[in-house]
Amino acid sequence: MPDGRTSVPPVQRLMEAIDARKPRPVLLVYGDGHTFELHRPFPNRAPNLLALQVFGDRDVHAVEILVDPDDPAVFAVRPLWNPHMAPRG
């Protein structure tokens, strides 16, 4: 059913709806490309949404996520590099 925003993917509409209901940052963790990336995918429409793409099977590293509800940013994210593999990307 057309909603006037047919060019916007359904997942983006869902993320915007979640962002609109939350007064604090929301962290979405995914692994589509399996490279470490921390970004705001929809900065104008969902400014509280922070997206973290994690490492995959070719880059066996880890990610540490700290959650501090008293910090306005809430989330602190950093990669943990496997010393037996060279960091990529």
Protein backbone atom coordinates (compact mmCIF):
# COMPACT_ATOMS: atom_id res chain seq x y z
CA MET A 1 0.00 0.00 0.00
CA PRO A 2 1.55 3.35 -1.01
CA ASP A 3 2.32 5.64 1.90
CA GLY A 4 3.77 8.58 0.01
CA ARG A 5 7.29 7.31 0.75
CA THR A 6 7.55 4.32 -1.57
CA SER A 7 11.21 5.09 -2.29
CA VAL A 8 12.08 4.53 1.39
CA PRO A 9 12.92 0.89 2.17
CA PRO A 10 10.72 -0.79 4.81
CA VAL A 11 13.68 -1.29 7.16
CA GLN A 12 14.40 2.43 7.08
CA ARG A 13 10.76 3.22 7.94
CA LEU A 14 10.99 0.75 10.84
CA MET A 15 14.24 2.28 12.14
CA GLU A 16 12.74 5.78 11.88
CA ALA A 17 9.68 4.63 13.86
CA ILE A 18 11.86 3.10 16.59
CA ASP A 19 13.99 6.23 16.73
CA ALA A 20 10.90 8.44 17.04
CA ARG A 21 9.68 6.47 20.07
CA LYS A 22 13.01 6.49 21.90
CA PRO A 23 14.33 9.67 23.52
CA ARG A 24 17.79 8.09 23.82
CA PRO A 25 20.25 6.53 21.37
CA VAL A 26 19.36 3.15 19.84
CA LEU A 27 22.11 0.76 18.72
CA LEU A 28 21.50 -1.47 15.71
CA VAL A 29 24.10 -4.24 15.32
CA TYR A 30 24.33 -6.03 11.99
CA GLY A 31 26.79 -7.93 9.81
CA ASP A 32 25.87 -7.32 6.17
CA GLY A 33 29.34 -6.45 4.87
CA HIS A 34 31.27 -7.87 7.81
CA THR A 35 33.61 -4.93 8.12
CA PHE A 36 33.81 -2.79 11.25
CA GLU A 37 31.81 0.38 10.73
CA LEU A 38 30.07 2.66 13.21
CA HIS A 39 27.74 5.20 11.63
CA ARG A 40 24.38 6.97 11.67
CA PRO A 41 22.55 5.56 8.64
CA PHE A 42 19.69 8.08 8.66
CA PRO A 43 21.09 11.19 10.39
CA ASN A 44 18.23 13.50 9.41
CA ARG A 45 15.27 11.16 9.84
CA ALA A 46 16.55 9.00 12.75
CA PRO A 47 19.24 11.00 14.58
CA ASN A 48 19.22 8.71 17.64
CA LEU A 49 19.94 5.59 15.60
CA LEU A 50 23.54 4.39 15.72
CA ALA A 51 24.44 1.43 13.50
CA LEU A 52 27.33 -0.95 14.11
CA GLN A 53 28.43 -3.33 11.38
CA VAL A 54 30.56 -6.08 12.92
CA PHE A 55 33.45 -8.18 11.66
CA GLY A 56 32.83 -11.36 9.72
CA ASP A 57 34.45 -14.70 9.09
CA ARG A 58 37.41 -13.25 7.15
CA ASP A 59 38.22 -10.80 9.96
CA VAL A 60 38.01 -12.69 13.25
CA HIS A 61 38.07 -9.74 15.63
CA ALA A 62 35.65 -8.64 18.34
CA VAL A 63 33.77 -5.51 19.36
CA GLU A 64 33.40 -4.17 22.87
CA ILE A 65 30.21 -2.25 23.60
CA LEU A 66 29.91 -0.34 26.86
CA VAL A 67 26.50 0.96 27.92
CA ASP A 68 26.29 3.88 30.31
CA PRO A 69 22.74 5.18 30.77
CA ASP A 70 24.12 8.26 32.55
CA ASP A 71 26.17 9.28 29.50
CA PRO A 72 24.15 11.23 26.89
CA ALA A 73 25.79 9.13 24.14
CA VAL A 74 24.87 5.91 26.05
CA PHE A 75 27.06 3.62 23.89
CA ALA A 76 30.85 3.43 23.66
CA VAL A 77 32.06 1.08 20.93
CA ARG A 78 35.56 -0.05 20.10
CA PRO A 79 37.08 -2.83 18.03
CA LEU A 80 39.16 -5.48 19.77
CA TRP A 81 41.80 -6.63 17.32
CA ASN A 82 42.88 -10.25 17.18
CA PRO A 83 46.70 -10.09 17.53
CA HIS A 84 47.03 -13.05 15.15
CA MET A 85 45.35 -11.17 12.30
CA ALA A 86 46.28 -7.86 10.71
CA PRO A 87 43.51 -5.22 11.00
CA ARG A 88 41.79 -4.50 7.67
CA GLY A 89 39.62 -1.72 6.36
